[in-house]
């Protein structure tokens, strides 16, 4: 969409998902979907690690009319299914 636009828009454009979730929530979802018996372990965060990862996609929405359409759980299921077919 960005590459084919006729208005010669210049970026950067963020195509992230503004629905914030923690790495623990992500890990919990993966464990649940894969029926894994993996355990989560914790380490110290690097000094410069951001505490929030919430991308601003307002330019992407206003310039391209694009916004994420797939929620985390559905995206994880599709990703896991894909990797199951190639591994």
PDB file of N, CA and C in Angstrom:
ATOM      1  N   UNK A   1       0.828  -1.182   0.000  1.00  0.00           N
ATOM      2  CA  UNK A   1       0.000   0.000   0.000  1.00  0.00           C
ATOM      3  C   UNK A   1       0.875   1.250   0.000  1.00  0.00           C
ATOM      4  N   UNK A   2       1.888   1.242   0.851  1.00  0.00           N
ATOM      5  CA  UNK A   2       2.786   2.397   0.929  1.00  0.00           C
ATOM      6  C   UNK A   2       3.599   2.529  -0.347  1.00  0.00           C
ATOM      7  N   UNK A   3       4.113   1.414  -0.849  1.00  0.00           N
ATOM      8  CA  UNK A   3       4.947   1.453  -2.044  1.00  0.00           C
ATOM      9  C   UNK A   3       4.151   1.860  -3.283  1.00  0.00           C
ATOM     10  N   UNK A   4       2.874   1.542  -3.323  1.00  0.00           N
ATOM     11  CA  UNK A   4       2.070   1.806  -4.506  1.00  0.00           C
ATOM     12  C   UNK A   4       1.258   3.095  -4.426  1.00  0.00           C
ATOM     13  N   UNK A   5       1.429   3.880  -3.359  1.00  0.00           N
ATOM     14  CA  UNK A   5       0.639   5.099  -3.238  1.00  0.00           C
ATOM     15  C   UNK A   5       1.059   6.106  -4.302  1.00  0.00           C
ATOM     16  N   UNK A   6       0.113   6.882  -4.774  1.00  0.00           N
ATOM     17  CA  UNK A   6       0.362   7.850  -5.852  1.00  0.00           C
ATOM     18  C   UNK A   6       0.788   9.211  -5.323  1.00  0.00           C
ATOM     19  N   UNK A   7       0.700   9.401  -4.012  1.00  0.00           N
ATOM     20  CA  UNK A   7       0.995  10.720  -3.435  1.00  0.00           C
ATOM     21  C   UNK A   7       2.454  10.886  -3.058  1.00  0.00           C
ATOM     22  N   UNK A   8       3.278   9.895  -3.326  1.00  0.00           N
ATOM     23  CA  UNK A   8       4.711   9.937  -2.995  1.00  0.00           C
ATOM     24  C   UNK A   8       4.941  10.275  -1.521  1.00  0.00           C
ATOM     25  N   UNK A   9       4.249   9.578  -0.672  1.00  0.00           N
ATOM     26  CA  UNK A   9       4.382   9.779   0.769  1.00  0.00           C
ATOM     27  C   UNK A   9       5.790   9.405   1.215  1.00  0.00           C
ATOM     28  N   UNK A  10       6.266  10.118   2.199  1.00  0.00           N
ATOM     29  CA  UNK A  10       7.574   9.812   2.772  1.00  0.00           C
ATOM     30  C   UNK A  10       7.365   9.423   4.228  1.00  0.00           C
ATOM     31  N   UNK A  11       8.139   8.466   4.676  1.00  0.00           N
ATOM     32  CA  UNK A  11       7.991   7.932   6.023  1.00  0.00           C
ATOM     33  C   UNK A  11       8.934   8.584   6.985  1.00  0.00           C
ATOM     34  N   UNK A  12       9.192   7.947   8.067  1.00  0.00           N
ATOM     35  CA  UNK A  12       8.820   6.547   8.288  1.00  0.00           C
ATOM     36  C   UNK A  12       7.363   6.392   8.699  1.00  0.00           C
ATOM     37  N   UNK A  13       6.827   5.207   8.438  1.00  0.00           N
ATOM     38  CA  UNK A  13       5.497   4.841   8.864  1.00  0.00           C
ATOM     39  C   UNK A  13       5.611   3.636   9.772  1.00  0.00           C
ATOM     40  N   UNK A  14       4.916   3.669  10.880  1.00  0.00           N
ATOM     41  CA  UNK A  14       4.947   2.564  11.823  1.00  0.00           C
ATOM     42  C   UNK A  14       3.758   1.652  11.535  1.00  0.00           C
ATOM     43  N   UNK A  15       4.035   0.384  11.279  1.00  0.00           N
ATOM     44  CA  UNK A  15       2.989  -0.595  11.025  1.00  0.00           C
ATOM     45  C   UNK A  15       2.842  -1.556  12.197  1.00  0.00           C
ATOM     46  N   UNK A  16       3.180  -1.084  13.378  1.00  0.00           N
ATOM     47  CA  UNK A  16       3.043  -1.892  14.579  1.00  0.00           C
ATOM     48  C   UNK A  16       1.594  -1.946  15.028  1.00  0.00           C
ATOM     49  N   UNK A  17       1.370  -2.592  16.144  1.00  0.00           N
ATOM     50  CA  UNK A  17       0.035  -2.682  16.710  1.00  0.00           C
ATOM     51  C   UNK A  17      -0.002  -1.867  17.992  1.00  0.00           C
ATOM     52  N   UNK A  18      -0.890  -0.872  18.073  1.00  0.00           N
ATOM     53  CA  UNK A  18      -0.932  -0.014  19.253  1.00  0.00           C
ATOM     54  C   UNK A  18      -1.561  -0.662  20.482  1.00  0.00           C
ATOM     55  N   UNK A  19      -2.044  -1.890  20.359  1.00  0.00           N
ATOM     56  CA  UNK A  19      -2.588  -2.596  21.521  1.00  0.00           C
ATOM     57  C   UNK A  19      -1.418  -3.191  22.288  1.00  0.00           C
ATOM     58  N   UNK A  20      -1.053  -2.528  23.363  1.00  0.00           N
ATOM     59  CA  UNK A  20       0.136  -2.926  24.110  1.00  0.00           C
ATOM     60  C   UNK A  20      -0.117  -4.172  24.945  1.00  0.00           C
ATOM     61  N   UNK A  21       0.897  -5.040  24.990  1.00  0.00           N
ATOM     62  CA  UNK A  21       0.868  -6.219  25.845  1.00  0.00           C
ATOM     63  C   UNK A  21       2.295  -6.492  26.287  1.00  0.00           C
ATOM     64  N   UNK A  22       2.427  -7.151  27.422  1.00  0.00           N
ATOM     65  CA  UNK A  22       3.757  -7.431  27.964  1.00  0.00           C
ATOM     66  C   UNK A  22       4.350  -8.673  27.301  1.00  0.00           C
ATOM     67  N   UNK A  23       5.659  -8.824  27.423  1.00  0.00           N
ATOM     68  CA  UNK A  23       6.327 -10.019  26.919  1.00  0.00           C
ATOM     69  C   UNK A  23       5.796 -11.244  27.658  1.00  0.00           C
ATOM     70  N   UNK A  24       5.476 -11.092  28.944  1.00  0.00           N
ATOM     71  CA  UNK A  24       4.901 -12.209  29.703  1.00  0.00           C
ATOM     72  C   UNK A  24       3.547 -12.619  29.130  1.00  0.00           C
ATOM     73  N   UNK A  25       2.712 -11.628  28.788  1.00  0.00           N
ATOM     74  CA  UNK A  25       1.419 -11.948  28.184  1.00  0.00           C
ATOM     75  C   UNK A  25       1.609 -12.679  26.852  1.00  0.00           C
ATOM     76  N   UNK A  26       2.593 -12.238  26.072  1.00  0.00           N
ATOM     77  CA  UNK A  26       2.903 -12.900  24.806  1.00  0.00           C
ATOM     78  C   UNK A  26       3.340 -14.349  25.063  1.00  0.00           C
ATOM     79  N   UNK A  27       4.265 -14.532  26.005  1.00  0.00           N
ATOM     80  CA  UNK A  27       4.750 -15.880  26.333  1.00  0.00           C
ATOM     81  C   UNK A  27       3.610 -16.763  26.835  1.00  0.00           C
ATOM     82  N   UNK A  28       2.756 -16.219  27.691  1.00  0.00           N
ATOM     83  CA  UNK A  28       1.616 -16.991  28.202  1.00  0.00           C
ATOM     84  C   UNK A  28       0.711 -17.450  27.056  1.00  0.00           C
ATOM     85  N   UNK A  29       0.471 -16.565  26.096  1.00  0.00           N
ATOM     86  CA  UNK A  29      -0.381 -16.915  24.947  1.00  0.00           C
ATOM     87  C   UNK A  29       0.252 -18.037  24.124  1.00  0.00           C
ATOM     88  N   UNK A  30       1.560 -17.929  23.861  1.00  0.00           N
ATOM     89  CA  UNK A  30       2.251 -18.952  23.071  1.00  0.00           C
ATOM     90  C   UNK A  30       2.199 -20.296  23.790  1.00  0.00           C
ATOM     91  N   UNK A  31       2.454 -20.292  25.082  1.00  0.00           N
ATOM     92  CA  UNK A  31       2.404 -21.532  25.866  1.00  0.00           C
ATOM     93  C   UNK A  31       1.003 -22.150  25.797  1.00  0.00           C
ATOM     94  N   UNK A  32      -0.007 -21.319  25.934  1.00  0.00           N
ATOM     95  CA  UNK A  32      -1.389 -21.796  25.905  1.00  0.00           C
ATOM     96  C   UNK A  32      -1.744 -22.373  24.527  1.00  0.00           C
ATOM     97  N   UNK A  33      -1.447 -21.635  23.476  1.00  0.00           N
ATOM     98  CA  UNK A  33      -1.828 -22.060  22.125  1.00  0.00           C
ATOM     99  C   UNK A  33      -1.098 -23.331  21.702  1.00  0.00           C
ATOM    100  N   UNK A  34       0.151 -23.468  22.117  1.00  0.00           N
ATOM    101  CA  UNK A  34       0.949 -24.630  21.706  1.00  0.00           C
ATOM    102  C   UNK A  34       0.841 -25.797  22.680  1.00  0.00           C
ATOM    103  N   UNK A  35       0.073 -25.616  23.742  1.00  0.00           N
ATOM    104  CA  UNK A  35      -0.048 -26.647  24.785  1.00  0.00           C
ATOM    105  C   UNK A  35       1.327 -27.056  25.311  1.00  0.00           C
ATOM    106  N   UNK A  36       2.184 -26.076  25.461  1.00  0.00           N
ATOM    107  CA  UNK A  36       3.551 -26.322  25.914  1.00  0.00           C
ATOM    108  C   UNK A  36       3.600 -26.448  27.430  1.00  0.00           C
ATOM    109  N   UNK A  37       4.593 -27.179  27.891  1.00  0.00           N
ATOM    110  CA  UNK A  37       4.824 -27.236  29.341  1.00  0.00           C
ATOM    111  C   UNK A  37       6.032 -26.375  29.712  1.00  0.00           C
ATOM    112  N   UNK A  38       6.404 -25.461  28.817  1.00  0.00           N
ATOM    113  CA  UNK A  38       7.527 -24.550  29.065  1.00  0.00           C
ATOM    114  C   UNK A  38       7.239 -23.675  30.276  1.00  0.00           C
ATOM    115  N   UNK A  39       8.302 -23.311  30.957  1.00  0.00           N
ATOM    116  CA  UNK A  39       8.188 -22.394  32.088  1.00  0.00           C
ATOM    117  C   UNK A  39       8.847 -21.076  31.727  1.00  0.00           C
ATOM    118  N   UNK A  40       8.303 -20.005  32.230  1.00  0.00           N
ATOM    119  CA  UNK A  40       8.842 -18.674  31.973  1.00  0.00           C
ATOM    120  C   UNK A  40       9.918 -18.378  33.003  1.00  0.00           C
ATOM    121  N   UNK A  41      11.058 -17.894  32.533  1.00  0.00           N
ATOM    122  CA  UNK A  41      12.119 -17.472  33.451  1.00  0.00           C
ATOM    123  C   UNK A  41      12.352 -15.976  33.260  1.00  0.00           C
ATOM    124  N   UNK A  42      12.883 -15.349  34.269  1.00  0.00           N
ATOM    125  CA  UNK A  42      13.069 -13.902  34.263  1.00  0.00           C
ATOM    126  C   UNK A  42      14.541 -13.543  34.414  1.00  0.00           C
ATOM    127  N   UNK A  43      14.950 -12.493  33.730  1.00  0.00           N
ATOM    128  CA  UNK A  43      16.306 -11.951  33.830  1.00  0.00           C
ATOM    129  C   UNK A  43      16.202 -10.452  34.031  1.00  0.00           C
ATOM    130  N   UNK A  44      17.293  -9.839  34.433  1.00  0.00           N
ATOM    131  CA  UNK A  44      17.321  -8.391  34.589  1.00  0.00           C
ATOM    132  C   UNK A  44      17.186  -7.726  33.220  1.00  0.00           C
ATOM    133  N   UNK A  45      16.484  -6.617  33.198  1.00  0.00           N
ATOM    134  CA  UNK A  45      16.330  -5.869  31.955  1.00  0.00           C
ATOM    135  C   UNK A  45      17.574  -5.046  31.681  1.00  0.00           C
ATOM    136  N   UNK A  46      17.903  -4.846  30.407  1.00  0.00           N
ATOM    137  CA  UNK A  46      19.006  -3.937  30.082  1.00  0.00           C
ATOM    138  C   UNK A  46      18.661  -2.518  30.540  1.00  0.00           C
ATOM    139  N   UNK A  47      19.677  -1.708  30.794  1.00  0.00           N
ATOM    140  CA  UNK A  47      19.456  -0.342  31.282  1.00  0.00           C
ATOM    141  C   UNK A  47      18.547   0.476  30.379  1.00  0.00           C
ATOM    142  N   UNK A  48      18.738   0.349  29.075  1.00  0.00           N
ATOM    143  CA  UNK A  48      17.995   1.197  28.142  1.00  0.00           C
ATOM    144  C   UNK A  48      16.722   0.541  27.609  1.00  0.00           C
ATOM    145  N   UNK A  49      16.263  -0.521  28.243  1.00  0.00           N
ATOM    146  CA  UNK A  49      15.061  -1.211  27.790  1.00  0.00           C
ATOM    147  C   UNK A  49      13.840  -0.331  28.040  1.00  0.00           C
ATOM    148  N   UNK A  50      13.031  -0.067  26.998  1.00  0.00           N
ATOM    149  CA  UNK A  50      11.845   0.769  27.216  1.00  0.00           C
ATOM    150  C   UNK A  50      10.814   0.037  28.064  1.00  0.00           C
ATOM    151  N   UNK A  51      10.132   0.781  28.906  1.00  0.00           N
ATOM    152  CA  UNK A  51       9.118   0.162  29.756  1.00  0.00           C
ATOM    153  C   UNK A  51       7.780   0.045  29.030  1.00  0.00           C
ATOM    154  N   UNK A  52       7.598   0.838  27.990  1.00  0.00           N
ATOM    155  CA  UNK A  52       6.362   0.756  27.207  1.00  0.00           C
ATOM    156  C   UNK A  52       6.728   0.611  25.731  1.00  0.00           C
ATOM    157  N   UNK A  53       5.996  -0.250  25.056  1.00  0.00           N
ATOM    158  CA  UNK A  53       6.198  -0.453  23.623  1.00  0.00           C
ATOM    159  C   UNK A  53       4.849  -0.273  22.945  1.00  0.00           C
ATOM    160  N   UNK A  54       4.457   0.955  22.794  1.00  0.00           N
ATOM    161  CA  UNK A  54       3.163   1.261  22.225  1.00  0.00           C
ATOM    162  C   UNK A  54       3.376   2.162  21.011  1.00  0.00           C
ATOM    163  N   UNK A  55       3.447   1.579  19.805  1.00  0.00           N
ATOM    164  CA  UNK A  55       3.760   2.384  18.634  1.00  0.00           C
ATOM    165  C   UNK A  55       2.671   3.395  18.301  1.00  0.00           C
ATOM    166  N   UNK A  56       3.101   4.539  17.822  1.00  0.00           N
ATOM    167  CA  UNK A  56       2.174   5.570  17.355  1.00  0.00           C
ATOM    168  C   UNK A  56       1.958   5.340  15.864  1.00  0.00           C
ATOM    169  N   UNK A  57       0.769   4.852  15.495  1.00  0.00           N
ATOM    170  CA  UNK A  57       0.490   4.585  14.090  1.00  0.00           C
ATOM    171  C   UNK A  57      -0.454   5.620  13.489  1.00  0.00           C
ATOM    172  N   UNK A  58      -0.580   6.769  14.152  1.00  0.00           N
ATOM    173  CA  UNK A  58      -1.521   7.789  13.680  1.00  0.00           C
ATOM    174  C   UNK A  58      -1.205   8.263  12.260  1.00  0.00           C
ATOM    175  N   UNK A  59       0.082   8.412  11.898  1.00  0.00           N
ATOM    176  CA  UNK A  59       0.434   8.812  10.530  1.00  0.00           C
ATOM    177  C   UNK A  59       0.037   7.729   9.528  1.00  0.00           C
ATOM    178  N   UNK A  60       0.205   6.498   9.904  1.00  0.00           N
ATOM    179  CA  UNK A  60      -0.152   5.385   9.026  1.00  0.00           C
ATOM    180  C   UNK A  60      -1.657   5.351   8.796  1.00  0.00           C
ATOM    181  N   UNK A  61      -2.421   5.565   9.850  1.00  0.00           N
ATOM    182  CA  UNK A  61      -3.886   5.575   9.731  1.00  0.00           C
ATOM    183  C   UNK A  61      -4.346   6.754   8.881  1.00  0.00           C
ATOM    184  N   UNK A  62      -3.833   7.956   9.175  1.00  0.00           N
ATOM    185  CA  UNK A  62      -4.314   9.144   8.462  1.00  0.00           C
ATOM    186  C   UNK A  62      -3.824   9.204   7.018  1.00  0.00           C
ATOM    187  N   UNK A  63      -2.609   8.761   6.738  1.00  0.00           N
ATOM    188  CA  UNK A  63      -2.063   8.854   5.383  1.00  0.00           C
ATOM    189  C   UNK A  63      -2.465   7.694   4.484  1.00  0.00           C
ATOM    190  N   UNK A  64      -2.564   6.509   5.053  1.00  0.00           N
ATOM    191  CA  UNK A  64      -2.831   5.320   4.250  1.00  0.00           C
ATOM    192  C   UNK A  64      -4.176   4.668   4.543  1.00  0.00           C
ATOM    193  N   UNK A  65      -4.797   5.057   5.641  1.00  0.00           N
ATOM    194  CA  UNK A  65      -6.052   4.425   6.016  1.00  0.00           C
ATOM    195  C   UNK A  65      -5.856   2.993   6.497  1.00  0.00           C
ATOM    196  N   UNK A  66      -4.623   2.661   6.892  1.00  0.00           N
ATOM    197  CA  UNK A  66      -4.310   1.297   7.328  1.00  0.00           C
ATOM    198  C   UNK A  66      -4.319   1.216   8.835  1.00  0.00           C
ATOM    199  N   UNK A  67      -4.832   0.119   9.350  1.00  0.00           N
ATOM    200  CA  UNK A  67      -4.726  -0.198  10.776  1.00  0.00           C
ATOM    201  C   UNK A  67      -4.712  -1.712  10.926  1.00  0.00           C
ATOM    202  N   UNK A  68      -4.130  -2.223  11.996  1.00  0.00           N
ATOM    203  CA  UNK A  68      -4.077  -3.675  12.180  1.00  0.00           C
ATOM    204  C   UNK A  68      -5.477  -4.275  12.207  1.00  0.00           C
ATOM    205  N   UNK A  69      -5.606  -5.457  11.624  1.00  0.00           N
ATOM    206  CA  UNK A  69      -6.911  -6.114  11.573  1.00  0.00           C
ATOM    207  C   UNK A  69      -6.935  -7.446  12.303  1.00  0.00           C
ATOM    208  N   UNK A  70      -5.775  -7.948  12.679  1.00  0.00           N
ATOM    209  CA  UNK A  70      -5.696  -9.258  13.328  1.00  0.00           C
ATOM    210  C   UNK A  70      -5.220  -9.073  14.767  1.00  0.00           C
ATOM    211  N   UNK A  71      -5.969  -9.628  15.693  1.00  0.00           N
ATOM    212  CA  UNK A  71      -5.602  -9.544  17.101  1.00  0.00           C
ATOM    213  C   UNK A  71      -4.464 -10.517  17.414  1.00  0.00           C
ATOM    214  N   UNK A  72      -3.823 -10.311  18.543  1.00  0.00           N
ATOM    215  CA  UNK A  72      -2.647 -11.091  18.934  1.00  0.00           C
ATOM    216  C   UNK A  72      -2.893 -12.590  18.868  1.00  0.00           C
ATOM    217  N   UNK A  73      -3.927 -13.084  19.500  1.00  0.00           N
ATOM    218  CA  UNK A  73      -4.146 -14.537  19.567  1.00  0.00           C
ATOM    219  C   UNK A  73      -4.303 -15.136  18.171  1.00  0.00           C
ATOM    220  N   UNK A  74      -5.091 -14.488  17.325  1.00  0.00           N
ATOM    221  CA  UNK A  74      -5.288 -14.993  15.963  1.00  0.00           C
ATOM    222  C   UNK A  74      -3.974 -14.967  15.176  1.00  0.00           C
ATOM    223  N   UNK A  75      -3.213 -13.884  15.319  1.00  0.00           N
ATOM    224  CA  UNK A  75      -1.925 -13.780  14.633  1.00  0.00           C
ATOM    225  C   UNK A  75      -0.944 -14.846  15.096  1.00  0.00           C
ATOM    226  N   UNK A  76      -0.920 -15.105  16.395  1.00  0.00           N
ATOM    227  CA  UNK A  76      -0.053 -16.162  16.920  1.00  0.00           C
ATOM    228  C   UNK A  76      -0.458 -17.528  16.375  1.00  0.00           C
ATOM    229  N   UNK A  77      -1.751 -17.802  16.345  1.00  0.00           N
ATOM    230  CA  UNK A  77      -2.222 -19.086  15.826  1.00  0.00           C
ATOM    231  C   UNK A  77      -1.806 -19.272  14.373  1.00  0.00           C
ATOM    232  N   UNK A  78      -1.951 -18.226  13.563  1.00  0.00           N
ATOM    233  CA  UNK A  78      -1.557 -18.307  12.151  1.00  0.00           C
ATOM    234  C   UNK A  78      -0.044 -18.499  12.016  1.00  0.00           C
ATOM    235  N   UNK A  79       0.713 -17.785  12.837  1.00  0.00           N
ATOM    236  CA  UNK A  79       2.173 -17.886  12.786  1.00  0.00           C
ATOM    237  C   UNK A  79       2.634 -19.279  13.202  1.00  0.00           C
ATOM    238  N   UNK A  80       2.067 -19.798  14.281  1.00  0.00           N
ATOM    239  CA  UNK A  80       2.429 -21.135  14.767  1.00  0.00           C
ATOM    240  C   UNK A  80       2.069 -22.188  13.730  1.00  0.00           C
ATOM    241  N   UNK A  81       0.887 -22.085  13.134  1.00  0.00           N
ATOM    242  CA  UNK A  81       0.465 -23.030  12.104  1.00  0.00           C
ATOM    243  C   UNK A  81       1.432 -22.999  10.929  1.00  0.00           C
ATOM    244  N   UNK A  82       1.840 -21.807  10.513  1.00  0.00           N
ATOM    245  CA  UNK A  82       2.797 -21.678   9.409  1.00  0.00           C
ATOM    246  C   UNK A  82       4.099 -22.390   9.732  1.00  0.00           C
ATOM    247  N   UNK A  83       4.660 -22.110  10.914  1.00  0.00           N
ATOM    248  CA  UNK A  83       5.934 -22.717  11.272  1.00  0.00           C
ATOM    249  C   UNK A  83       5.819 -24.225  11.459  1.00  0.00           C
ATOM    250  N   UNK A  84       4.662 -24.708  11.877  1.00  0.00           N
ATOM    251  CA  UNK A  84       4.480 -26.159  11.983  1.00  0.00           C
ATOM    252  C   UNK A  84       4.576 -26.823  10.610  1.00  0.00           C
ATOM    253  N   UNK A  85       4.167 -26.101   9.553  1.00  0.00           N
ATOM    254  CA  UNK A  85       4.225 -26.688   8.215  1.00  0.00           C
ATOM    255  C   UNK A  85       5.632 -26.682   7.625  1.00  0.00           C
ATOM    256  N   UNK A  86       6.497 -25.782   8.084  1.00  0.00           N
ATOM    257  CA  UNK A  86       7.828 -25.716   7.476  1.00  0.00           C
ATOM    258  C   UNK A  86       8.927 -26.339   8.338  1.00  0.00           C
ATOM    259  N   UNK A  87       8.632 -26.640   9.586  1.00  0.00           N
ATOM    260  CA  UNK A  87       9.666 -27.232  10.454  1.00  0.00           C
ATOM    261  C   UNK A  87       9.529 -28.741  10.545  1.00  0.00           C
TER     262      UNK A  87
END
